[in-house]
Protein backbone atom coordinates (compact mmCIF):
# COMPACT_ATOMS: atom_id res chain seq x y z
CA MET A 1 65.12 20.86 -23.98
CA THR A 2 63.68 23.05 -27.25
CA PHE A 3 62.41 26.64 -27.07
CA TRP A 4 60.34 28.37 -29.17
CA ALA A 5 59.85 31.82 -29.41
CA TYR A 6 56.52 32.19 -31.37
CA MET A 7 53.39 34.60 -32.50
CA LEU A 8 49.55 35.46 -32.61
CA HIS A 9 47.75 36.77 -34.39
CA CYS A 10 44.65 38.05 -32.21
CA ASN A 11 41.05 40.43 -33.16
CA ALA A 12 41.14 43.28 -34.87
CA GLY A 13 44.32 42.86 -36.00
CA ARG A 14 46.43 42.59 -33.49
CA PHE A 15 50.01 40.40 -33.52
CA TYR A 16 50.81 38.99 -29.83
CA VAL A 17 54.78 37.74 -28.95
CA GLY A 18 55.68 35.64 -26.75
CA HIS A 19 58.03 32.90 -26.03
CA THR A 20 57.58 29.48 -24.07
CA ASP A 21 59.38 25.71 -23.33
CA ASP A 22 55.81 23.90 -25.06
CA LEU A 23 54.38 25.62 -27.36
CA GLU A 24 51.43 23.81 -28.46
CA ARG A 25 50.36 23.49 -24.91
CA ARG A 26 50.53 27.38 -24.59
CA LEU A 27 49.04 28.28 -27.52
CA ALA A 28 45.87 26.04 -26.05
CA GLU A 29 46.65 27.66 -22.85
CA HIS A 30 45.58 31.34 -24.91
CA GLN A 31 42.78 30.68 -27.53
CA SER A 32 41.36 29.27 -24.87
CA GLY A 33 41.90 32.09 -22.09
CA VAL A 34 43.39 30.96 -19.89
CA ILE A 35 46.06 33.06 -19.56
CA ARG A 36 44.77 36.81 -18.27
CA GLY A 37 45.76 39.20 -20.21
CA PHE A 38 46.58 40.75 -23.76
CA THR A 39 45.43 37.99 -25.20
CA SER A 40 42.50 37.30 -23.26
CA SER A 41 40.87 40.13 -24.90
CA TYR A 42 41.60 40.31 -27.58
CA LEU A 43 40.36 36.13 -28.83
CA PRO A 44 40.09 34.26 -31.30
CA VAL A 45 44.20 34.25 -31.94
CA SER A 46 45.66 32.03 -34.92
CA LEU A 47 49.60 31.74 -34.29
CA VAL A 48 50.89 33.22 -37.49
CA TRP A 49 54.99 32.75 -36.94
CA SER A 50 57.10 30.17 -35.10
CA GLN A 51 61.06 29.33 -34.34
CA GLU A 52 62.83 26.74 -32.48
CA PHE A 53 65.47 27.46 -29.68
CA THR A 54 67.50 25.14 -28.47
CA ASN A 55 67.19 27.48 -25.10
CA ARG A 56 65.27 29.95 -23.38
CA ASP A 57 67.49 32.84 -23.36
CA GLU A 58 68.06 32.42 -26.81
CA ALA A 59 63.81 32.01 -27.42
CA LEU A 60 63.72 35.23 -24.89
CA ALA A 61 66.14 37.64 -27.31
CA ALA A 62 64.06 36.93 -30.27
CA GLU A 63 60.76 37.43 -28.87
CA ARG A 64 62.29 41.19 -26.93
CA GLN A 65 64.03 41.62 -30.46
CA ILE A 66 60.55 41.27 -32.57
CA LYS A 67 59.32 43.72 -29.92
CA GLY A 68 60.54 46.22 -31.13
CA TRP A 69 60.67 45.72 -34.87
CA SER A 70 57.32 48.08 -36.88
CA ARG A 71 54.34 46.94 -38.43
CA ALA A 72 56.30 46.40 -41.90
CA LYS A 73 58.54 44.49 -40.25
CA ILE A 74 56.14 41.61 -38.49
CA LEU A 75 54.48 41.48 -41.49
CA ALA A 76 56.99 40.97 -43.77
CA LEU A 77 58.80 37.67 -41.17
CA ILE A 78 55.21 36.07 -41.17
CA ARG A 79 55.07 36.35 -45.42
CA GLY A 80 59.02 34.83 -45.13
CA HIS A 81 60.17 38.04 -46.71
CA TRP A 82 63.72 37.98 -45.57
CA PRO A 83 65.24 41.43 -48.08
CA GLU A 84 62.40 43.21 -46.97
CA ILE A 85 63.26 42.28 -43.01
CA SER A 86 66.82 43.39 -44.17
CA ARG A 87 65.73 46.27 -46.37
CA LEU A 88 63.23 47.78 -43.40
CA ALA A 89 65.81 47.30 -40.81
CA LYS A 90 68.82 49.27 -42.77
CA ASN A 91 66.01 52.43 -43.73
CA LYS A 92 65.27 51.92 -39.63
CA THR A 93 69.49 52.37 -39.31
CA GLY A 94 69.45 54.55 -41.16
CA LEU A 95 66.87 56.84 -39.81
CA ARG A 96 68.98 56.65 -36.98
CA GLN A 97 71.65 57.92 -38.11
CA ALA A 98 69.96 60.89 -39.27
CA GLN A 99 68.51 62.54 -36.76
CA ALA A 100 71.10 61.57 -35.09
CA GLU A 101 72.93 63.81 -37.42
CA ARG A 102 70.63 66.16 -37.13
CA ALA A 103 71.34 67.06 -33.48
């Protein structure tokens, strides 16, 4: 069975990240507003990124990871700009280390 992590661009410039085992059905549910919650408050929505996984745990892990990313890193992912994602990840790690050293 195939699973997906996906990202929607919502009204007001917001992003929604989720995972599913049926991307087309889930996208239609978001677009129609049938799913109550975040996306129904920010219609319309459009799919801007998705990745296929072999199991639900991997898709959920990707969803959770992306939800912790900065807006800049999310935009780099949408563009598929892997060097920028890597640079932003290193900057965040370096920032955490500097903060820990000051504490």
